[in-house]
PDB file of N, CA and C in Angstrom:
ATOM      1  N   MET A   1       0.843  -1.189   0.000  1.00  0.00           N
ATOM      2  CA  MET A   1       0.000   0.000   0.000  1.00  0.00           C
ATOM      3  C   MET A   1       0.880   1.242   0.000  1.00  0.00           C
ATOM      4  N   GLY A   2       0.590   2.162  -0.891  1.00  0.00           N
ATOM      5  CA  GLY A   2       1.370   3.385  -0.977  1.00  0.00           C
ATOM      6  C   GLY A   2       0.906   4.433   0.014  1.00  0.00           C
ATOM      7  N   ASP A   3       1.719   5.456   0.202  1.00  0.00           N
ATOM      8  CA  ASP A   3       1.316   6.525   1.116  1.00  0.00           C
ATOM      9  C   ASP A   3       0.619   7.685   0.396  1.00  0.00           C
ATOM     10  N   LEU A   4       0.589   7.651  -0.955  1.00  0.00           N
ATOM     11  CA  LEU A   4      -0.154   8.654  -1.719  1.00  0.00           C
ATOM     12  C   LEU A   4      -1.439   8.072  -2.310  1.00  0.00           C
ATOM     13  N   SER A   5      -1.370   6.806  -2.669  1.00  0.00           N
ATOM     14  CA  SER A   5      -2.526   6.100  -3.230  1.00  0.00           C
ATOM     15  C   SER A   5      -2.314   4.610  -2.986  1.00  0.00           C
ATOM     16  N   LYS A   6      -3.190   3.813  -3.545  1.00  0.00           N
ATOM     17  CA  LYS A   6      -3.097   2.365  -3.355  1.00  0.00           C
ATOM     18  C   LYS A   6      -1.726   1.818  -3.760  1.00  0.00           C
ATOM     19  N   ASN A   7      -1.153   2.348  -4.832  1.00  0.00           N
ATOM     20  CA  ASN A   7       0.098   1.796  -5.349  1.00  0.00           C
ATOM     21  C   ASN A   7       1.269   2.764  -5.431  1.00  0.00           C
ATOM     22  N   PHE A   8       1.087   4.012  -5.087  1.00  0.00           N
ATOM     23  CA  PHE A   8       2.172   4.988  -5.243  1.00  0.00           C
ATOM     24  C   PHE A   8       2.615   5.574  -3.910  1.00  0.00           C
ATOM     25  N   ASN A   9       3.932   5.675  -3.773  1.00  0.00           N
ATOM     26  CA  ASN A   9       4.558   6.276  -2.596  1.00  0.00           C
ATOM     27  C   ASN A   9       5.187   7.616  -2.962  1.00  0.00           C
ATOM     28  N   ARG A  10       5.198   8.511  -1.998  1.00  0.00           N
ATOM     29  CA  ARG A  10       5.795   9.830  -2.181  1.00  0.00           C
ATOM     30  C   ARG A  10       7.242   9.731  -2.679  1.00  0.00           C
ATOM     31  N   SER A  11       7.983   8.754  -2.178  1.00  0.00           N
ATOM     32  CA  SER A  11       9.397   8.626  -2.551  1.00  0.00           C
ATOM     33  C   SER A  11       9.590   8.386  -4.050  1.00  0.00           C
ATOM     34  N   GLU A  12       8.605   7.795  -4.717  1.00  0.00           N
ATOM     35  CA  GLU A  12       8.710   7.548  -6.159  1.00  0.00           C
ATOM     36  C   GLU A  12       8.740   8.845  -6.961  1.00  0.00           C
ATOM     37  N   PHE A  13       8.202   9.906  -6.391  1.00  0.00           N
ATOM     38  CA  PHE A  13       8.098  11.184  -7.088  1.00  0.00           C
ATOM     39  C   PHE A  13       9.189  12.169  -6.679  1.00  0.00           C
ATOM     40  N   ALA A  14      10.057  11.764  -5.756  1.00  0.00           N
ATOM     41  CA  ALA A  14      11.093  12.664  -5.236  1.00  0.00           C
ATOM     42  C   ALA A  14      12.051  13.091  -6.336  1.00  0.00           C
ATOM     43  N   CYS A  15      12.530  14.313  -6.233  1.00  0.00           N
ATOM     44  CA  CYS A  15      13.515  14.837  -7.176  1.00  0.00           C
ATOM     45  C   CYS A  15      14.739  13.926  -7.150  1.00  0.00           C
ATOM     46  N   LYS A  16      15.204  13.535  -8.329  1.00  0.00           N
ATOM     47  CA  LYS A  16      16.300  12.577  -8.439  1.00  0.00           C
ATOM     48  C   LYS A  16      17.632  13.221  -8.817  1.00  0.00           C
ATOM     49  N   GLY A  17      17.727  14.511  -8.687  1.00  0.00           N
ATOM     50  CA  GLY A  17      18.967  15.198  -9.037  1.00  0.00           C
ATOM     51  C   GLY A  17      20.101  14.870  -8.083  1.00  0.00           C
ATOM     52  N   THR A  18      21.327  14.923  -8.602  1.00  0.00           N
ATOM     53  CA  THR A  18      22.513  14.705  -7.782  1.00  0.00           C
ATOM     54  C   THR A  18      22.754  15.943  -6.931  1.00  0.00           C
ATOM     55  N   ASN A  19      22.944  15.739  -5.640  1.00  0.00           N
ATOM     56  CA  ASN A  19      23.175  16.853  -4.713  1.00  0.00           C
ATOM     57  C   ASN A  19      22.098  17.923  -4.820  1.00  0.00           C
ATOM     58  N   CYS A  20      20.864  17.498  -4.971  1.00  0.00           N
ATOM     59  CA  CYS A  20      19.809  18.510  -5.033  1.00  0.00           C
ATOM     60  C   CYS A  20      18.809  18.272  -3.916  1.00  0.00           C
ATOM     61  N   CYS A  21      17.651  18.809  -4.061  1.00  0.00           N
ATOM     62  CA  CYS A  21      16.703  18.915  -2.956  1.00  0.00           C
ATOM     63  C   CYS A  21      16.114  17.596  -2.460  1.00  0.00           C
ATOM     64  N   GLY A  22      15.817  16.641  -3.350  1.00  0.00           N
ATOM     65  CA  GLY A  22      15.181  15.393  -2.942  1.00  0.00           C
ATOM     66  C   GLY A  22      13.728  15.547  -2.532  1.00  0.00           C
ATOM     67  N   HIS A  23      13.132  16.705  -2.782  1.00  0.00           N
ATOM     68  CA  HIS A  23      11.751  16.962  -2.373  1.00  0.00           C
ATOM     69  C   HIS A  23      10.752  16.177  -3.217  1.00  0.00           C
ATOM     70  N   SER A  24       9.651  15.851  -2.610  1.00  0.00           N
ATOM     71  CA  SER A  24       8.542  15.225  -3.328  1.00  0.00           C
ATOM     72  C   SER A  24       7.208  15.755  -2.826  1.00  0.00           C
ATOM     73  N   ALA A  25       7.244  16.612  -1.840  1.00  0.00           N
ATOM     74  CA  ALA A  25       6.018  17.099  -1.212  1.00  0.00           C
ATOM     75  C   ALA A  25       5.123  17.842  -2.190  1.00  0.00           C
ATOM     76  N   ALA A  26       5.702  18.321  -3.288  1.00  0.00           N
ATOM     77  CA  ALA A  26       4.938  19.134  -4.222  1.00  0.00           C
ATOM     78  C   ALA A  26       4.123  18.320  -5.229  1.00  0.00           C
ATOM     79  N   VAL A  27       4.131  16.992  -5.129  1.00  0.00           N
ATOM     80  CA  VAL A  27       3.391  16.193  -6.112  1.00  0.00           C
ATOM     81  C   VAL A  27       1.892  16.506  -6.024  1.00  0.00           C
ATOM     82  N   HIS A  28       1.301  16.807  -7.173  1.00  0.00           N
ATOM     83  CA  HIS A  28      -0.102  17.223  -7.240  1.00  0.00           C
ATOM     84  C   HIS A  28      -1.020  16.003  -7.083  1.00  0.00           C
ATOM     85  N   PRO A  29      -2.030  16.098  -6.223  1.00  0.00           N
ATOM     86  CA  PRO A  29      -2.927  14.952  -6.010  1.00  0.00           C
ATOM     87  C   PRO A  29      -3.644  14.489  -7.278  1.00  0.00           C
ATOM     88  N   ASP A  30      -3.944  15.409  -8.203  1.00  0.00           N
ATOM     89  CA  ASP A  30      -4.584  15.002  -9.460  1.00  0.00           C
ATOM     90  C   ASP A  30      -3.676  14.081 -10.268  1.00  0.00           C
ATOM     91  N   LEU A  31      -2.367  14.348 -10.236  1.00  0.00           N
ATOM     92  CA  LEU A  31      -1.420  13.499 -10.947  1.00  0.00           C
ATOM     93  C   LEU A  31      -1.439  12.088 -10.370  1.00  0.00           C
ATOM     94  N   VAL A  32      -1.398  12.003  -9.059  1.00  0.00           N
ATOM     95  CA  VAL A  32      -1.415  10.694  -8.397  1.00  0.00           C
ATOM     96  C   VAL A  32      -2.714   9.954  -8.716  1.00  0.00           C
ATOM     97  N   ASP A  33      -3.843  10.642  -8.644  1.00  0.00           N
ATOM     98  CA  ASP A  33      -5.134  10.006  -8.934  1.00  0.00           C
ATOM     99  C   ASP A  33      -5.184   9.472 -10.364  1.00  0.00           C
ATOM    100  N   ALA A  34      -4.721  10.281 -11.314  1.00  0.00           N
ATOM    101  CA  ALA A  34      -4.758   9.866 -12.718  1.00  0.00           C
ATOM    102  C   ALA A  34      -3.801   8.705 -12.975  1.00  0.00           C
ATOM    103  N   LEU A  35      -2.611   8.748 -12.381  1.00  0.00           N
ATOM    104  CA  LEU A  35      -1.665   7.644 -12.539  1.00  0.00           C
ATOM    105  C   LEU A  35      -2.203   6.362 -11.910  1.00  0.00           C
ATOM    106  N   GLN A  36      -2.880   6.488 -10.779  1.00  0.00           N
ATOM    107  CA  GLN A  36      -3.465   5.309 -10.138  1.00  0.00           C
ATOM    108  C   GLN A  36      -4.523   4.685 -11.049  1.00  0.00           C
ATOM    109  N   THR A  37      -5.296   5.521 -11.720  1.00  0.00           N
ATOM    110  CA  THR A  37      -6.304   5.016 -12.651  1.00  0.00           C
ATOM    111  C   THR A  37      -5.645   4.259 -13.804  1.00  0.00           C
ATOM    112  N   VAL A  38      -4.552   4.802 -14.347  1.00  0.00           N
ATOM    113  CA  VAL A  38      -3.808   4.099 -15.404  1.00  0.00           C
ATOM    114  C   VAL A  38      -3.324   2.760 -14.874  1.00  0.00           C
ATOM    115  N   ARG A  39      -2.726   2.769 -13.706  1.00  0.00           N
ATOM    116  CA  ARG A  39      -2.179   1.561 -13.077  1.00  0.00           C
ATOM    117  C   ARG A  39      -3.282   0.507 -12.899  1.00  0.00           C
ATOM    118  N   ASP A  40      -4.437   0.940 -12.429  1.00  0.00           N
ATOM    119  CA  ASP A  40      -5.557   0.018 -12.230  1.00  0.00           C
ATOM    120  C   ASP A  40      -6.028  -0.582 -13.555  1.00  0.00           C
ATOM    121  N   ARG A  41      -6.045   0.226 -14.602  1.00  0.00           N
ATOM    122  CA  ARG A  41      -6.539  -0.251 -15.899  1.00  0.00           C
ATOM    123  C   ARG A  41      -5.590  -1.231 -16.566  1.00  0.00           C
ATOM    124  N   ILE A  42      -4.284  -1.018 -16.438  1.00  0.00           N
ATOM    125  CA  ILE A  42      -3.360  -1.953 -17.090  1.00  0.00           C
ATOM    126  C   ILE A  42      -3.043  -3.152 -16.208  1.00  0.00           C
ATOM    127  N   GLY A  43      -3.279  -3.005 -14.907  1.00  0.00           N
ATOM    128  CA  GLY A  43      -3.050  -4.128 -14.002  1.00  0.00           C
ATOM    129  C   GLY A  43      -1.591  -4.491 -13.805  1.00  0.00           C
ATOM    130  N   LYS A  44      -0.709  -3.547 -14.069  1.00  0.00           N
ATOM    131  CA  LYS A  44       0.731  -3.770 -13.903  1.00  0.00           C
ATOM    132  C   LYS A  44       1.340  -2.552 -13.226  1.00  0.00           C
ATOM    133  N   PRO A  45       2.411  -2.759 -12.459  1.00  0.00           N
ATOM    134  CA  PRO A  45       3.078  -1.625 -11.810  1.00  0.00           C
ATOM    135  C   PRO A  45       3.633  -0.632 -12.826  1.00  0.00           C
ATOM    136  N   LEU A  46       3.594   0.637 -12.464  1.00  0.00           N
ATOM    137  CA  LEU A  46       4.200   1.697 -13.264  1.00  0.00           C
ATOM    138  C   LEU A  46       5.437   2.194 -12.532  1.00  0.00           C
ATOM    139  N   SER A  47       6.502   2.402 -13.264  1.00  0.00           N
ATOM    140  CA  SER A  47       7.734   2.923 -12.679  1.00  0.00           C
ATOM    141  C   SER A  47       7.878   4.395 -13.047  1.00  0.00           C
ATOM    142  N   ILE A  48       7.918   5.245 -12.022  1.00  0.00           N
ATOM    143  CA  ILE A  48       8.083   6.680 -12.231  1.00  0.00           C
ATOM    144  C   ILE A  48       9.577   6.966 -12.353  1.00  0.00           C
ATOM    145  N   THR A  49      10.020   7.322 -13.556  1.00  0.00           N
ATOM    146  CA  THR A  49      11.445   7.601 -13.747  1.00  0.00           C
ATOM    147  C   THR A  49      11.785   9.050 -13.447  1.00  0.00           C
ATOM    148  N   SER A  50      10.793   9.926 -13.531  1.00  0.00           N
ATOM    149  CA  SER A  50      10.987  11.328 -13.158  1.00  0.00           C
ATOM    150  C   SER A  50       9.646  11.892 -12.725  1.00  0.00           C
ATOM    151  N   GLY A  51       9.587  12.379 -11.501  1.00  0.00           N
ATOM    152  CA  GLY A  51       8.367  12.991 -10.980  1.00  0.00           C
ATOM    153  C   GLY A  51       8.629  14.470 -10.746  1.00  0.00           C
ATOM    154  N   PHE A  52       8.593  14.883  -9.486  1.00  0.00           N
ATOM    155  CA  PHE A  52       8.902  16.271  -9.158  1.00  0.00           C
ATOM    156  C   PHE A  52      10.371  16.550  -9.466  1.00  0.00           C
ATOM    157  N   ARG A  53      10.640  17.737 -10.021  1.00  0.00           N
ATOM    158  CA  ARG A  53      12.015  18.189 -10.250  1.00  0.00           C
ATOM    159  C   ARG A  53      12.173  19.596  -9.693  1.00  0.00           C
ATOM    160  N   CYS A  54      13.244  19.804  -8.937  1.00  0.00           N
ATOM    161  CA  CYS A  54      13.568  21.178  -8.547  1.00  0.00           C
ATOM    162  C   CYS A  54      14.088  21.884  -9.806  1.00  0.00           C
ATOM    163  N   ASN A  55      14.124  23.198  -9.787  1.00  0.00           N
ATOM    164  CA  ASN A  55      14.571  23.953 -10.959  1.00  0.00           C
ATOM    165  C   ASN A  55      15.989  23.581 -11.373  1.00  0.00           C
ATOM    166  N   ARG A  56      16.842  23.347 -10.398  1.00  0.00           N
ATOM    167  CA  ARG A  56      18.235  22.993 -10.687  1.00  0.00           C
ATOM    168  C   ARG A  56      18.319  21.666 -11.453  1.00  0.00           C
ATOM    169  N   HIS A  57      17.611  20.656 -10.970  1.00  0.00           N
ATOM    170  CA  HIS A  57      17.629  19.355 -11.646  1.00  0.00           C
ATOM    171  C   HIS A  57      16.943  19.442 -13.007  1.00  0.00           C
ATOM    172  N   ASN A  58      15.849  20.171 -13.084  1.00  0.00           N
ATOM    173  CA  ASN A  58      15.139  20.317 -14.350  1.00  0.00           C
ATOM    174  C   ASN A  58      16.055  20.914 -15.414  1.00  0.00           C
ATOM    175  N   LYS A  59      16.815  21.923 -15.038  1.00  0.00           N
ATOM    176  CA  LYS A  59      17.754  22.547 -15.974  1.00  0.00           C
ATOM    177  C   LYS A  59      18.847  21.555 -16.369  1.00  0.00           C
ATOM    178  N   ALA A  60      19.337  20.783 -15.399  1.00  0.00           N
ATOM    179  CA  ALA A  60      20.416  19.818 -15.654  1.00  0.00           C
ATOM    180  C   ALA A  60      19.999  18.731 -16.645  1.00  0.00           C
ATOM    181  N   VAL A  61      18.724  18.350 -16.643  1.00  0.00           N
ATOM    182  CA  VAL A  61      18.266  17.302 -17.555  1.00  0.00           C
ATOM    183  C   VAL A  61      17.695  17.869 -18.859  1.00  0.00           C
ATOM    184  N   GLY A  62      17.779  19.178 -19.023  1.00  0.00           N
ATOM    185  CA  GLY A  62      17.292  19.799 -20.248  1.00  0.00           C
ATOM    186  C   GLY A  62      15.787  19.927 -20.317  1.00  0.00           C
ATOM    187  N   GLY A  63      15.141  19.970 -19.154  1.00  0.00           N
ATOM    188  CA  GLY A  63      13.687  20.120 -19.111  1.00  0.00           C
ATOM    189  C   GLY A  63      13.244  21.498 -19.581  1.00  0.00           C
ATOM    190  N   ALA A  64      12.010  21.592 -20.011  1.00  0.00           N
ATOM    191  CA  ALA A  64      11.448  22.871 -20.448  1.00  0.00           C
ATOM    192  C   ALA A  64      11.495  23.878 -19.303  1.00  0.00           C
ATOM    193  N   GLU A  65      11.701  25.134 -19.646  1.00  0.00           N
ATOM    194  CA  GLU A  65      11.802  26.178 -18.623  1.00  0.00           C
ATOM    195  C   GLU A  65      10.554  26.242 -17.749  1.00  0.00           C
ATOM    196  N   GLN A  66       9.403  26.028 -18.339  1.00  0.00           N
ATOM    197  CA  GLN A  66       8.136  26.036 -17.598  1.00  0.00           C
ATOM    198  C   GLN A  66       7.618  24.605 -17.406  1.00  0.00           C
ATOM    199  N   SER A  67       8.507  23.671 -17.113  1.00  0.00           N
ATOM    200  CA  SER A  67       8.160  22.254 -16.994  1.00  0.00           C
ATOM    201  C   SER A  67       7.118  21.999 -15.907  1.00  0.00           C
ATOM    202  N   PHE A  68       6.169  21.147 -16.227  1.00  0.00           N
ATOM    203  CA  PHE A  68       5.167  20.762 -15.240  1.00  0.00           C
ATOM    204  C   PHE A  68       5.754  19.850 -14.169  1.00  0.00           C
ATOM    205  N   HIS A  69       6.947  19.301 -14.424  1.00  0.00           N
ATOM    206  CA  HIS A  69       7.642  18.536 -13.388  1.00  0.00           C
ATOM    207  C   HIS A  69       7.959  19.446 -12.194  1.00  0.00           C
ATOM    208  N   THR A  70       8.312  20.699 -12.451  1.00  0.00           N
ATOM    209  CA  THR A  70       8.687  21.616 -11.362  1.00  0.00           C
ATOM    210  C   THR A  70       7.484  22.033 -10.523  1.00  0.00           C
ATOM    211  N   LEU A  71       6.298  21.764 -11.027  1.00  0.00           N
ATOM    212  CA  LEU A  71       5.065  22.063 -10.291  1.00  0.00           C
ATOM    213  C   LEU A  71       4.479  20.809  -9.649  1.00  0.00           C
ATOM    214  N   GLY A  72       5.155  19.677  -9.829  1.00  0.00           N
ATOM    215  CA  GLY A  72       4.638  18.416  -9.297  1.00  0.00           C
ATOM    216  C   GLY A  72       3.426  17.908 -10.048  1.00  0.00           C
ATOM    217  N   MET A  73       3.269  18.361 -11.291  1.00  0.00           N
ATOM    218  CA  MET A  73       2.098  18.002 -12.090  1.00  0.00           C
ATOM    219  C   MET A  73       2.428  17.053 -13.236  1.00  0.00           C
ATOM    220  N   ALA A  74       3.668  16.510 -13.275  1.00  0.00           N
ATOM    221  CA  ALA A  74       4.079  15.647 -14.381  1.00  0.00           C
ATOM    222  C   ALA A  74       4.888  14.467 -13.877  1.00  0.00           C
ATOM    223  N   ALA A  75       4.828  13.389 -14.651  1.00  0.00           N
ATOM    224  CA  ALA A  75       5.648  12.208 -14.372  1.00  0.00           C
ATOM    225  C   ALA A  75       6.049  11.564 -15.687  1.00  0.00           C
ATOM    226  N   ASP A  76       7.272  11.075 -15.727  1.00  0.00           N
ATOM    227  CA  ASP A  76       7.727  10.247 -16.834  1.00  0.00           C
ATOM    228  C   ASP A  76       7.597   8.811 -16.356  1.00  0.00           C
ATOM    229  N   VAL A  77       6.932   7.999 -17.161  1.00  0.00           N
ATOM    230  CA  VAL A  77       6.581   6.641 -16.762  1.00  0.00           C
ATOM    231  C   VAL A  77       7.223   5.639 -17.714  1.00  0.00           C
ATOM    232  N   SER A  78       8.022   4.749 -17.163  1.00  0.00           N
ATOM    233  CA  SER A  78       8.612   3.660 -17.937  1.00  0.00           C
ATOM    234  C   SER A  78       7.525   2.628 -18.216  1.00  0.00           C
ATOM    235  N   CYS A  79       7.455   2.144 -19.434  1.00  0.00           N
ATOM    236  CA  CYS A  79       6.402   1.195 -19.797  1.00  0.00           C
ATOM    237  C   CYS A  79       6.684  -0.185 -19.220  1.00  0.00           C
ATOM    238  N   PRO A  80       5.691  -0.777 -18.571  1.00  0.00           N
ATOM    239  CA  PRO A  80       5.876  -2.135 -18.044  1.00  0.00           C
ATOM    240  C   PRO A  80       5.963  -3.148 -19.183  1.00  0.00           C
ATOM    241  N   ALA A  81       6.499  -4.318 -18.895  1.00  0.00           N
ATOM    242  CA  ALA A  81       6.622  -5.379 -19.894  1.00  0.00           C
ATOM    243  C   ALA A  81       5.273  -5.657 -20.548  1.00  0.00           C
ATOM    244  N   GLY A  82       5.286  -5.744 -21.861  1.00  0.00           N
ATOM    245  CA  GLY A  82       4.070  -6.051 -22.597  1.00  0.00           C
ATOM    246  C   GLY A  82       3.182  -4.864 -22.895  1.00  0.00           C
ATOM    247  N   VAL A  83       3.599  -3.665 -22.478  1.00  0.00           N
ATOM    248  CA  VAL A  83       2.816  -2.451 -22.732  1.00  0.00           C
ATOM    249  C   VAL A  83       3.708  -1.467 -23.484  1.00  0.00           C
ATOM    250  N   SER A  84       3.343  -1.147 -24.705  1.00  0.00           N
ATOM    251  CA  SER A  84       4.136  -0.214 -25.507  1.00  0.00           C
ATOM    252  C   SER A  84       3.828   1.222 -25.094  1.00  0.00           C
ATOM    253  N   PRO A  85       4.724   2.156 -25.421  1.00  0.00           N
ATOM    254  CA  PRO A  85       4.422   3.564 -25.144  1.00  0.00           C
ATOM    255  C   PRO A  85       3.120   4.014 -25.814  1.00  0.00           C
ATOM    256  N   ASP A  86       2.884   3.556 -27.042  1.00  0.00           N
ATOM    257  CA  ASP A  86       1.638   3.930 -27.718  1.00  0.00           C
ATOM    258  C   ASP A  86       0.415   3.397 -26.978  1.00  0.00           C
ATOM    259  N   ALA A  87       0.494   2.157 -26.501  1.00  0.00           N
ATOM    260  CA  ALA A  87      -0.630   1.570 -25.756  1.00  0.00           C
ATOM    261  C   ALA A  87      -0.861   2.316 -24.447  1.00  0.00           C
ATOM    262  N   LEU A  88       0.221   2.686 -23.769  1.00  0.00           N
ATOM    263  CA  LEU A  88       0.091   3.436 -22.518  1.00  0.00           C
ATOM    264  C   LEU A  88      -0.538   4.800 -22.778  1.00  0.00           C
ATOM    265  N   ALA A  89      -0.152   5.440 -23.887  1.00  0.00           N
ATOM    266  CA  ALA A  89      -0.721   6.744 -24.242  1.00  0.00           C
ATOM    267  C   ALA A  89      -2.213   6.630 -24.540  1.00  0.00           C
ATOM    268  N   VAL A  90      -2.619   5.566 -25.205  1.00  0.00           N
ATOM    269  CA  VAL A  90      -4.042   5.358 -25.505  1.00  0.00           C
ATOM    270  C   VAL A  90      -4.837   5.218 -24.206  1.00  0.00           C
ATOM    271  N   ILE A  91      -4.304   4.468 -23.267  1.00  0.00           N
ATOM    272  CA  ILE A  91      -4.970   4.309 -21.968  1.00  0.00           C
ATOM    273  C   ILE A  91      -5.043   5.653 -21.248  1.00  0.00           C
ATOM    274  N   ALA A  92      -3.949   6.412 -21.280  1.00  0.00           N
ATOM    275  CA  ALA A  92      -3.934   7.731 -20.630  1.00  0.00           C
ATOM    276  C   ALA A  92      -4.982   8.659 -21.235  1.00  0.00           C
ATOM    277  N   GLU A  93      -5.185   8.568 -22.548  1.00  0.00           N
ATOM    278  CA  GLU A  93      -6.190   9.407 -23.228  1.00  0.00           C
ATOM    279  C   GLU A  93      -7.599   9.160 -22.688  1.00  0.00           C
ATOM    280  N   GLU A  94      -7.839   7.989 -22.121  1.00  0.00           N
ATOM    281  CA  GLU A  94      -9.160   7.646 -21.590  1.00  0.00           C
ATOM    282  C   GLU A  94      -9.432   8.294 -20.238  1.00  0.00           C
ATOM    283  N   ILE A  95      -8.394   8.832 -19.610  1.00  0.00           N
ATOM    284  CA  ILE A  95      -8.529   9.424 -18.278  1.00  0.00           C
ATOM    285  C   ILE A  95      -8.642  10.942 -18.432  1.00  0.00           C
ATOM    286  N   PRO A  96      -9.758  11.538 -18.005  1.00  0.00           N
ATOM    287  CA  PRO A  96      -9.994  12.963 -18.249  1.00  0.00           C
ATOM    288  C   PRO A  96      -8.836  13.890 -17.876  1.00  0.00           C
ATOM    289  N   LEU A  97      -8.192  13.665 -16.740  1.00  0.00           N
ATOM    290  CA  LEU A  97      -7.104  14.562 -16.333  1.00  0.00           C
ATOM    291  C   LEU A  97      -5.930  14.526 -17.307  1.00  0.00           C
ATOM    292  N   PHE A  98      -5.653  13.376 -17.897  1.00  0.00           N
ATOM    293  CA  PHE A  98      -4.593  13.289 -18.907  1.00  0.00           C
ATOM    294  C   PHE A  98      -5.106  13.696 -20.285  1.00  0.00           C
ATOM    295  N   ARG A  99      -6.349  13.372 -20.599  1.00  0.00           N
ATOM    296  CA  ARG A  99      -6.926  13.760 -21.888  1.00  0.00           C
ATOM    297  C   ARG A  99      -6.874  15.273 -22.058  1.00  0.00           C
ATOM    298  N   GLU A 100      -7.085  16.006 -20.971  1.00  0.00           N
ATOM    299  CA  GLU A 100      -7.037  17.469 -21.012  1.00  0.00           C
ATOM    300  C   GLU A 100      -5.649  18.014 -20.695  1.00  0.00           C
ATOM    301  N   GLY A 101      -4.698  17.130 -20.403  1.00  0.00           N
ATOM    302  CA  GLY A 101      -3.343  17.541 -20.036  1.00  0.00           C
ATOM    303  C   GLY A 101      -2.342  17.233 -21.126  1.00  0.00           C
ATOM    304  N   GLY A 102      -1.140  16.821 -20.707  1.00  0.00           N
ATOM    305  CA  GLY A 102      -0.066  16.558 -21.649  1.00  0.00           C
ATOM    306  C   GLY A 102       0.298  15.088 -21.710  1.00  0.00           C
ATOM    307  N   ILE A 103       0.496  14.601 -22.933  1.00  0.00           N
ATOM    308  CA  ILE A 103       0.940  13.227 -23.160  1.00  0.00           C
ATOM    309  C   ILE A 103       2.040  13.265 -24.215  1.00  0.00           C
ATOM    310  N   GLY A 104       3.231  12.850 -23.822  1.00  0.00           N
ATOM    311  CA  GLY A 104       4.361  12.789 -24.743  1.00  0.00           C
ATOM    312  C   GLY A 104       4.848  11.361 -24.861  1.00  0.00           C
ATOM    313  N   VAL A 105       4.954  10.859 -26.080  1.00  0.00           N
ATOM    314  CA  VAL A 105       5.338   9.465 -26.317  1.00  0.00           C
ATOM    315  C   VAL A 105       6.796   9.403 -26.772  1.00  0.00           C
ATOM    316  N   TYR A 106       7.573   8.579 -26.086  1.00  0.00           N
ATOM    317  CA  TYR A 106       8.993   8.385 -26.389  1.00  0.00           C
ATOM    318  C   TYR A 106       9.235   6.905 -26.694  1.00  0.00           C
ATOM    319  N   ALA A 107      10.466   6.530 -26.964  1.00  0.00           N
ATOM    320  CA  ALA A 107      10.789   5.161 -27.389  1.00  0.00           C
ATOM    321  C   ALA A 107      10.391   4.096 -26.367  1.00  0.00           C
ATOM    322  N   SER A 108      10.612   4.361 -25.080  1.00  0.00           N
ATOM    323  CA  SER A 108      10.328   3.336 -24.067  1.00  0.00           C
ATOM    324  C   SER A 108       9.576   3.879 -22.856  1.00  0.00           C
ATOM    325  N   TRP A 109       9.117   5.102 -22.947  1.00  0.00           N
ATOM    326  CA  TRP A 109       8.424   5.704 -21.816  1.00  0.00           C
ATOM    327  C   TRP A 109       7.442   6.757 -22.312  1.00  0.00           C
ATOM    328  N   VAL A 110       6.610   7.238 -21.379  1.00  0.00           N
ATOM    329  CA  VAL A 110       5.596   8.242 -21.693  1.00  0.00           C
ATOM    330  C   VAL A 110       5.631   9.336 -20.635  1.00  0.00           C
ATOM    331  N   HIS A 111       5.580  10.582 -21.085  1.00  0.00           N
ATOM    332  CA  HIS A 111       5.423  11.733 -20.184  1.00  0.00           C
ATOM    333  C   HIS A 111       3.924  11.957 -20.032  1.00  0.00           C
ATOM    334  N   LEU A 112       3.465  12.096 -18.792  1.00  0.00           N
ATOM    335  CA  LEU A 112       2.060  12.376 -18.506  1.00  0.00           C
ATOM    336  C   LEU A 112       1.979  13.564 -17.566  1.00  0.00           C
ATOM    337  N   ASP A 113       1.108  14.521 -17.878  1.00  0.00           N
ATOM    338  CA  ASP A 113       0.930  15.638 -16.950  1.00  0.00           C
ATOM    339  C   ASP A 113      -0.519  16.073 -16.886  1.00  0.00           C
ATOM    340  N   VAL A 114      -0.834  16.757 -15.791  1.00  0.00           N
ATOM    341  CA  VAL A 114      -2.205  17.204 -15.531  1.00  0.00           C
ATOM    342  C   VAL A 114      -2.310  18.720 -15.644  1.00  0.00           C
ATOM    343  N   ARG A 115      -1.610  19.269 -16.630  1.00  0.00           N
ATOM    344  CA  ARG A 115      -1.678  20.722 -16.872  1.00  0.00           C
ATOM    345  C   ARG A 115      -3.129  21.149 -17.025  1.00  0.00           C
ATOM    346  N   GLN A 116      -3.396  22.377 -16.666  1.00  0.00           N
ATOM    347  CA  GLN A 116      -4.749  22.905 -16.770  1.00  0.00           C
ATOM    348  C   GLN A 116      -4.821  24.023 -17.799  1.00  0.00           C
ATOM    349  N   SER A 117      -3.769  24.126 -18.617  1.00  0.00           N
ATOM    350  CA  SER A 117      -3.672  25.211 -19.591  1.00  0.00           C
ATOM    351  C   SER A 117      -3.987  24.754 -21.012  1.00  0.00           C
ATOM    352  N   GLY A 118      -4.606  23.602 -21.152  1.00  0.00           N
ATOM    353  CA  GLY A 118      -4.938  23.085 -22.475  1.00  0.00           C
ATOM    354  C   GLY A 118      -4.072  21.897 -22.835  1.00  0.00           C
ATOM    355  N   LYS A 119      -4.646  20.981 -23.575  1.00  0.00           N
ATOM    356  CA  LYS A 119      -3.929  19.739 -23.841  1.00  0.00           C
ATOM    357  C   LYS A 119      -2.767  19.932 -24.805  1.00  0.00           C
ATOM    358  N   ALA A 120      -1.784  19.039 -24.655  1.00  0.00           N
ATOM    359  CA  ALA A 120      -0.603  19.038 -25.518  1.00  0.00           C
ATOM    360  C   ALA A 120      -0.237  17.591 -25.819  1.00  0.00           C
ATOM    361  N   ARG A 121       0.160  17.350 -27.058  1.00  0.00           N
ATOM    362  CA  ARG A 121       0.592  16.020 -27.483  1.00  0.00           C
ATOM    363  C   ARG A 121       1.883  16.158 -28.279  1.00  0.00           C
ATOM    364  N   TRP A 122       2.805  15.218 -28.072  1.00  0.00           N
ATOM    365  CA  TRP A 122       4.040  15.203 -28.848  1.00  0.00           C
ATOM    366  C   TRP A 122       4.636  13.810 -28.859  1.00  0.00           C
ATOM    367  N   ARG A 123       5.548  13.601 -29.810  1.00  0.00           N
ATOM    368  CA  ARG A 123       6.296  12.349 -29.955  1.00  0.00           C
ATOM    369  C   ARG A 123       7.762  12.704 -30.121  1.00  0.00           C
ATOM    370  N   SER A 124       8.595  11.798 -29.652  1.00  0.00           N
ATOM    371  CA  SER A 124      10.027  12.016 -29.833  1.00  0.00           C
ATOM    372  C   SER A 124      10.632  10.797 -30.498  1.00  0.00           C
TER     373      SER A 124
END
């Protein structure tokens, strides 16, 4: 049992920068709720490779200047075995918070965010 939801712990969203803040308190509850819904629908664990980022870490990884990671509203999710990035994105599209937010599809992972400024889609 997670401390944020049934399957997610605060530590999974902590800033992963070297010698940086390590904070995770800023994770937005809507993000956790939407990720839990994805997790429930696919029936497999999701690995958060990047959750909250402090500005220093965000800059170090080449994140967007106005990244939703710095607001605790975004997560990069590694695809579980048997689930392609495209399949994960399709599932995310079914969840209103992600449908109205951001979904970015990469080779082996998906960026998901709960932005409230209008939906965004991209591929890399």
